Amino acid sequence: MFYHVKDLQFNARVSAPDPQFANLLLQQFGGPNGELKAAMQYFVQAFSAKNPYPDKYDLLMDIATEEFSHLEIVGATIQMLLAGVNGKLKDAADESEIMKLLDGKAAKESVIHEAISNPHFLVESAGGPVVTDSRGIPWSGTYVNANGDLTVDLRSDMAAESRAKIVYEYLMKFTNDPYVRETLTFLMTREVAHFQMFEAALETIQPNFPPGVLQADPRFSNTYFNMSSGAEFRGPWNDGASTKLGETWQFIEDPIAHVESTQGLTTQEIAGTDRTAALIEKINKDLSQERSEEVNSAIPEGENQWSNYALSGDVDETDGADSKKTKARSPRSKNK
């Protein structure tokens, strides 16, 4: 159930119209790293988490809903930056407010140029936000990453927040409007907050590495192939112990000779790790059973329904404010 509050989460403001920056800001409206992508990604991911991880379902739905709030902020900012454009497109005269502000014919040609580079933005929307990026490429469901495994999905979400943050950083270089920069700073900061929330949620699922259930083959999990000629660099990615499994990196100086001597790696032996094939087989079996039981045990037998309204909890309507979230929920996950 969604309930729309007409006031924005953050008080978006602009100092003056700026159609060019409005076009750039579309990148965070309908672009591959924008707010709509984030909202839909977390919304979709939440469904498979509902039964085995009701606490993560709550997290994903909360953040997805906030991302829709951010989409509203971006859309409102775009609309304010386009103040006067819609009216101009409906007015054949050249003396409208937006034309005076943008200084006549030159500005009109500039707006026409924007229409040529992103025709949907002005020709079809008449100066309102459209679900495209700044070049007019339509939003696509292919932007959404949802794999049905939270150890994978939460890592995708951390990456999504990182990409969104850097886009806001770049956008701030193209506007001097203090109000717009204030809004972009808020949105950028929320990406940082969400990253930490997803990271914390991932850590409550143990073990969570490698992503998924099946373990890595110990013959190859700590092998580094020197696959390029020229200056060679050593670091914690190919020297010392690996970051997650704690195995000693095996640096293969001559990959071609190594592949030939091991019959295409089929005879490569385990080195630099205590993990064995037998141990991996046991972990795969045990973890597969544990994760499967987490999902199956959370599904009720017989008739099933998504919501149990009788257990929805108390609702706080203090001072006549809008209904708040239920006070308590009962996580049934087996997170360690």
Protein backbone atom coordinates (compact mmCIF):
# COMPACT_ATOMS: atom_id res chain seq x y z
CA MET A 1 0.00 0.00 0.00
CA PHE A 2 1.44 3.34 -1.01
CA TYR A 3 0.30 6.62 0.47
CA HIS A 4 1.42 9.81 -1.23
CA VAL A 5 2.22 12.84 0.90
CA LYS A 6 2.10 15.90 -1.33
CA ASP A 7 5.01 17.68 0.36
CA LEU A 8 8.47 16.73 -0.84
CA GLN A 9 10.87 14.87 1.44
CA PHE A 10 13.38 17.67 0.82
CA ASN A 11 12.40 21.26 0.00
CA ALA A 12 13.62 21.47 -3.59
CA ARG A 13 14.20 25.04 -4.84
CA VAL A 14 15.74 26.80 -7.83
CA SER A 15 17.04 30.36 -8.20
CA ALA A 16 16.09 30.70 -11.87
CA PRO A 17 15.10 28.64 -14.90
CA ASP A 18 17.85 26.64 -16.59
CA PRO A 19 16.58 24.43 -19.43
CA GLN A 20 20.04 23.13 -20.27
CA PHE A 21 20.66 21.80 -16.76
CA ALA A 22 17.11 20.47 -16.61
CA ASN A 23 18.03 18.29 -19.56
CA LEU A 24 21.19 17.07 -17.83
CA LEU A 25 19.22 16.30 -14.67
CA LEU A 26 17.06 13.87 -16.64
CA GLN A 27 20.00 11.50 -16.20
CA GLN A 28 18.85 10.96 -12.62
CA PHE A 29 15.18 10.78 -13.57
CA GLY A 30 15.16 8.12 -16.26
CA GLY A 31 18.82 7.19 -16.66
CA PRO A 32 20.49 3.84 -15.90
CA ASN A 33 21.80 5.05 -12.53
CA GLY A 34 18.89 7.29 -11.64
CA GLU A 35 16.21 7.32 -8.98
CA LEU A 36 13.62 5.36 -10.96
CA LYS A 37 16.14 2.58 -11.56
CA ALA A 38 16.97 2.42 -7.84
CA ALA A 39 13.32 2.46 -6.77
CA MET A 40 12.36 -0.34 -9.15
CA GLN A 41 15.45 -2.41 -8.35
CA TYR A 42 14.88 -2.47 -4.60
CA PHE A 43 11.12 -2.87 -5.07
CA VAL A 44 11.59 -5.95 -7.27
CA GLN A 45 14.29 -7.45 -5.07
CA ALA A 46 12.06 -7.21 -2.02
CA PHE A 47 9.55 -9.81 -3.21
CA SER A 48 11.87 -12.82 -2.95
CA ALA A 49 13.03 -11.62 0.48
CA LYS A 50 9.53 -11.40 1.96
CA ASN A 51 9.33 -14.85 3.54
CA PRO A 52 12.90 -15.90 4.38
CA TYR A 53 14.14 -12.40 5.29
CA PRO A 54 11.18 -10.24 6.38
CA ASP A 55 13.60 -7.75 7.96
CA LYS A 56 15.39 -7.28 4.62
CA TYR A 57 12.01 -7.03 2.88
CA ASP A 58 11.23 -4.14 5.20
CA LEU A 59 14.59 -2.51 4.44
CA LEU A 60 14.25 -2.86 0.67
CA MET A 61 10.68 -1.57 0.62
CA ASP A 62 11.58 1.39 2.83
CA ILE A 63 14.50 2.41 0.62
CA ALA A 64 12.56 1.74 -2.59
CA THR A 65 9.82 4.05 -1.34
CA GLU A 66 12.37 6.71 -0.43
CA GLU A 67 13.83 6.42 -3.94
CA PHE A 68 10.39 7.19 -5.36
CA SER A 69 10.45 10.25 -3.11
CA HIS A 70 13.80 11.21 -4.63
CA LEU A 71 12.39 10.70 -8.11
CA GLU A 72 9.69 13.19 -7.16
CA ILE A 73 12.35 15.67 -5.99
CA VAL A 74 14.28 15.33 -9.24
CA GLY A 75 11.10 15.69 -11.30
CA ALA A 76 10.03 18.77 -9.35
CA THR A 77 13.45 20.33 -9.80
CA ILE A 78 13.39 19.67 -13.53
CA GLN A 79 9.95 21.25 -13.79
CA MET A 80 11.07 24.36 -11.90
CA LEU A 81 14.18 24.64 -14.06
CA LEU A 82 11.90 24.60 -17.10
CA ALA A 83 9.64 27.40 -15.83
CA GLY A 84 8.29 29.24 -18.84
CA VAL A 85 9.27 26.69 -21.47
CA ASN A 86 5.87 25.03 -21.54
CA GLY A 87 4.17 28.37 -21.93
CA LYS A 88 6.57 29.41 -24.67
CA LEU A 89 5.78 26.30 -26.66
CA LYS A 90 2.12 27.31 -26.50
CA ASP A 91 2.82 30.96 -27.35
CA ALA A 92 3.79 31.98 -30.87
CA ALA A 93 5.15 35.34 -29.65
CA ASP A 94 8.85 35.78 -28.88
CA GLU A 95 8.26 38.11 -25.94
CA SER A 96 7.36 35.52 -23.32
CA GLU A 97 9.02 35.55 -19.91
CA ILE A 98 11.37 32.69 -20.72
CA MET A 99 12.53 34.38 -23.94
CA LYS A 100 13.25 37.65 -22.12
CA LEU A 101 15.16 35.75 -19.46
CA LEU A 102 17.19 33.85 -22.03
CA ASP A 103 17.68 36.91 -24.25
CA GLY A 104 15.62 36.35 -27.32
CA LYS A 105 16.61 34.73 -30.61
CA ALA A 106 19.92 33.24 -29.45
CA ALA A 107 18.17 31.56 -26.55
CA LYS A 108 15.44 30.27 -28.83
CA GLU A 109 18.08 28.69 -31.04
CA SER A 110 19.68 27.19 -27.96
CA VAL A 111 16.38 25.65 -26.89
CA ILE A 112 15.89 24.34 -30.42
CA HIS A 113 19.35 22.77 -30.22
CA GLU A 114 18.31 21.04 -27.00
CA ALA A 115 15.23 19.74 -28.80
CA ILE A 116 17.41 18.36 -31.57
CA SER A 117 19.79 16.59 -29.17
CA ASN A 118 16.91 15.25 -27.06
CA PRO A 119 13.69 15.66 -29.09
CA HIS A 120 11.39 13.88 -26.65
CA PHE A 121 12.23 16.35 -23.92
CA LEU A 122 10.62 19.36 -25.62
CA VAL A 123 8.73 18.09 -28.66
CA GLU A 124 6.68 15.45 -26.86
CA SER A 125 6.66 16.62 -23.25
CA ALA A 126 6.36 20.37 -23.88
CA GLY A 127 8.98 20.99 -21.24
CA GLY A 128 8.06 18.49 -18.53
CA PRO A 129 10.11 15.56 -17.17
CA VAL A 130 10.16 12.46 -19.34
CA VAL A 131 11.25 8.94 -18.44
CA THR A 132 14.49 9.08 -20.41
CA ASP A 133 18.10 9.96 -19.79
CA SER A 134 19.62 13.28 -20.87
CA ARG A 135 20.00 12.05 -24.47
CA GLY A 136 16.40 10.92 -24.81
CA ILE A 137 17.09 7.19 -24.41
CA PRO A 138 13.99 5.65 -22.77
CA TRP A 139 14.21 4.09 -19.33
CA SER A 140 14.52 0.31 -19.53
CA GLY A 141 13.75 -2.57 -17.21
CA THR A 142 17.16 -3.95 -18.13
CA TYR A 143 18.60 -1.40 -15.69
CA VAL A 144 17.13 -3.43 -12.81
CA ASN A 145 19.37 -6.06 -11.22
CA ALA A 146 17.49 -8.66 -9.18
CA ASN A 147 18.93 -12.16 -8.85
CA GLY A 148 16.82 -13.61 -6.03
CA ASP A 149 19.81 -14.08 -3.72
CA LEU A 150 20.33 -11.33 -1.15
CA THR A 151 24.10 -11.81 -0.98
CA VAL A 152 24.13 -10.92 -4.67
CA ASP A 153 21.34 -8.32 -4.69
CA LEU A 154 22.69 -6.32 -1.76
CA ARG A 155 26.08 -6.07 -3.46
CA SER A 156 24.32 -4.85 -6.62
CA ASP A 157 22.55 -2.26 -4.48
CA MET A 158 25.80 -1.00 -2.96
CA ALA A 159 27.19 -0.61 -6.47
CA ALA A 160 24.00 1.16 -7.61
CA GLU A 161 24.28 3.67 -4.76
CA SER A 162 27.94 4.26 -5.63
CA ARG A 163 27.16 4.97 -9.29
CA ALA A 164 24.26 7.26 -8.41
CA LYS A 165 26.46 9.21 -5.99
CA ILE A 166 29.15 9.88 -8.58
CA VAL A 167 26.54 11.04 -11.12
CA TYR A 168 25.33 13.63 -8.61
CA GLU A 169 28.93 14.71 -8.08
CA TYR A 170 29.36 15.22 -11.81
CA LEU A 171 26.03 17.03 -12.14
CA MET A 172 27.05 19.57 -9.50
CA LYS A 173 29.86 20.71 -11.78
CA PHE A 174 27.30 21.97 -14.30
CA THR A 175 25.20 24.25 -12.11
CA ASN A 176 25.99 27.28 -9.99
CA ASP A 177 22.48 27.55 -8.59
CA PRO A 178 22.94 27.30 -4.79
CA TYR A 179 19.45 25.90 -4.29
CA VAL A 180 19.90 23.22 -6.92
CA ARG A 181 23.31 22.31 -5.50
CA GLU A 182 21.71 22.02 -2.08
CA THR A 183 19.16 19.56 -3.46
CA LEU A 184 21.82 17.56 -5.29
CA THR A 185 23.91 17.41 -2.12
CA PHE A 186 20.95 15.99 -0.20
CA LEU A 187 20.31 13.36 -2.86
CA MET A 188 24.01 12.48 -3.07
CA THR A 189 24.20 12.13 0.71
CA ARG A 190 21.27 9.74 0.80
CA GLU A 191 23.19 7.49 -1.62
CA VAL A 192 25.96 7.34 1.01
CA ALA A 193 23.43 6.51 3.73
CA HIS A 194 21.78 3.77 1.66
CA PHE A 195 25.16 2.23 0.80
CA GLN A 196 25.85 1.78 4.52
CA MET A 197 22.39 0.33 5.14
CA PHE A 198 22.84 -2.28 2.42
CA GLU A 199 26.36 -3.06 3.63
CA ALA A 200 25.11 -3.56 7.19
CA ALA A 201 22.25 -5.78 5.98
CA LEU A 202 24.68 -7.92 3.99
CA GLU A 203 26.81 -8.49 7.09
CA THR A 204 23.81 -9.93 8.95
CA ILE A 205 23.69 -12.78 6.41
CA GLN A 206 26.49 -15.19 7.25
CA PRO A 207 28.28 -16.62 5.46
CA ASN A 208 27.91 -14.17 2.60
CA PHE A 209 31.08 -14.86 0.61
CA PRO A 210 31.31 -15.97 -2.07
CA PRO A 211 27.97 -14.55 -3.23
CA GLY A 212 25.32 -17.22 -3.62
CA VAL A 213 25.63 -20.74 -2.21
CA LEU A 214 28.29 -22.73 -4.05
CA GLN A 215 31.89 -22.29 -2.94
CA ALA A 216 34.87 -21.53 -5.17
CA ASP A 217 37.17 -24.29 -6.45
CA PRO A 218 40.32 -24.08 -4.28
CA ARG A 219 42.50 -24.85 -7.30
CA PHE A 220 41.65 -21.51 -8.87
CA SER A 221 40.30 -19.19 -6.13
CA ASN A 222 43.72 -17.72 -5.30
CA THR A 223 45.43 -17.85 -8.71
CA TYR A 224 46.53 -14.58 -10.31
CA PHE A 225 47.43 -14.72 -14.01
CA ASN A 226 49.94 -12.14 -15.27
CA MET A 227 47.98 -11.59 -18.49
CA SER A 228 49.71 -8.50 -19.86
CA SER A 229 53.26 -7.60 -20.86
CA GLY A 230 55.18 -4.57 -19.69
CA ALA A 231 55.49 -3.07 -16.21
CA GLU A 232 54.24 -5.45 -13.54
CA PHE A 233 52.63 -4.38 -10.30
CA ARG A 234 52.14 -6.31 -7.12
CA GLY A 235 49.60 -5.49 -4.45
CA PRO A 236 47.06 -7.08 -2.11
CA TRP A 237 45.12 -8.22 -5.18
CA ASN A 238 47.95 -10.60 -6.25
CA ASP A 239 50.40 -10.76 -3.34
CA GLY A 240 49.96 -11.97 0.23
CA ALA A 241 46.60 -13.22 1.53
CA SER A 242 43.30 -12.81 -0.32
CA THR A 243 40.85 -10.44 1.34
CA LYS A 244 37.92 -12.79 2.01
CA LEU A 245 39.15 -16.37 1.91
CA GLY A 246 42.55 -15.62 3.45
CA GLU A 247 44.36 -17.74 0.88
CA THR A 248 47.88 -16.99 -0.38
CA TRP A 249 47.87 -15.55 -3.87
CA GLN A 250 49.63 -17.74 -6.45
CA PHE A 251 51.22 -15.40 -9.01
CA ILE A 252 51.49 -17.09 -12.39
CA GLU A 253 54.30 -15.28 -14.17
CA ASP A 254 53.89 -17.09 -17.51
CA PRO A 255 50.21 -18.01 -18.00
CA ILE A 256 50.78 -19.65 -21.39
CA ALA A 257 53.43 -22.03 -20.10
CA HIS A 258 51.35 -22.72 -16.99
CA VAL A 259 48.21 -23.55 -18.96
CA GLU A 260 50.18 -25.86 -21.25
CA SER A 261 51.92 -27.65 -18.38
CA THR A 262 48.65 -28.26 -16.54
CA GLN A 263 46.76 -29.52 -19.59
CA GLY A 264 44.52 -26.48 -19.69
CA LEU A 265 44.48 -26.17 -15.86
CA THR A 266 42.84 -29.59 -15.50
CA THR A 267 45.81 -30.96 -13.56
CA GLN A 268 46.50 -27.81 -11.52
CA GLU A 269 46.97 -28.67 -7.86
CA ILE A 270 45.68 -26.84 -4.81
CA ALA A 271 48.27 -24.46 -3.36
CA GLY A 272 48.32 -21.66 -0.81
CA THR A 273 45.11 -22.69 0.96
CA ASP A 274 43.84 -25.17 3.53
CA ARG A 275 40.59 -25.61 1.65
CA THR A 276 40.18 -29.00 0.04
CA ALA A 277 37.79 -30.48 -2.50
CA ALA A 278 36.16 -32.55 0.25
CA LEU A 279 35.67 -29.49 2.46
CA ILE A 280 34.12 -27.56 -0.42
CA GLU A 281 31.71 -30.41 -1.14
CA LYS A 282 30.62 -30.48 2.49
CA ILE A 283 30.13 -26.68 2.67
CA ASN A 284 28.14 -26.72 -0.56
CA LYS A 285 25.85 -29.43 0.79
CA ASP A 286 25.37 -27.87 4.24
CA LEU A 287 24.87 -24.29 3.03
CA SER A 288 22.52 -25.38 0.24
CA GLN A 289 20.38 -27.21 2.78
CA GLU A 290 20.42 -24.26 5.20
CA ARG A 291 19.43 -21.67 2.60
CA SER A 292 16.78 -23.95 1.13
CA GLU A 293 15.26 -24.50 4.59
CA GLU A 294 15.26 -20.74 5.22
CA VAL A 295 13.03 -20.26 2.21
CA ASN A 296 10.85 -23.35 2.56
CA SER A 297 10.25 -23.04 6.31
CA ALA A 298 9.01 -19.48 5.86
CA ILE A 299 6.28 -20.55 3.42
CA PRO A 300 3.07 -21.48 5.23
CA GLU A 301 1.39 -24.75 4.40
CA GLY A 302 -1.88 -24.71 2.53
CA GLU A 303 -3.60 -21.39 1.91
CA ASN A 304 -1.23 -18.47 1.66
CA GLN A 305 -1.66 -14.70 1.73
CA TRP A 306 0.82 -11.85 1.48
CA SER A 307 -0.43 -9.71 4.38
CA ASN A 308 -1.81 -10.59 7.77
CA TYR A 309 -3.81 -7.53 8.71
CA ALA A 310 -4.72 -8.85 12.15
CA LEU A 311 -1.03 -8.71 13.11
CA SER A 312 -0.23 -5.42 11.46
CA GLY A 313 0.41 -3.71 14.82
CA ASP A 314 -0.60 -0.39 16.25
CA VAL A 315 -0.72 2.65 14.05
CA ASP A 316 0.51 5.98 15.35
CA GLU A 317 -1.66 8.87 14.23
CA THR A 318 -0.33 11.43 16.68
CA ASP A 319 -1.62 14.97 16.18
CA GLY A 320 -3.69 13.87 13.21
CA ALA A 321 -0.60 13.30 11.07
CA ASP A 322 -0.50 10.85 8.21
CA SER A 323 -0.51 7.18 9.21
CA LYS A 324 2.92 5.91 10.21
CA LYS A 325 4.54 2.54 9.69
CA THR A 326 3.53 -0.25 12.05
CA LYS A 327 5.55 -0.16 15.25
CA ALA A 328 6.71 -3.73 15.26
CA ARG A 329 7.29 -6.63 12.94
CA SER A 330 8.39 -10.18 13.63
CA PRO A 331 11.52 -11.14 11.68
CA ARG A 332 11.67 -14.87 11.20
CA SER A 333 14.99 -15.03 9.42
CA LYS A 334 17.73 -17.34 10.62
CA ASN A 335 20.46 -14.79 10.11
CA LYS A 336 23.52 -15.30 12.24
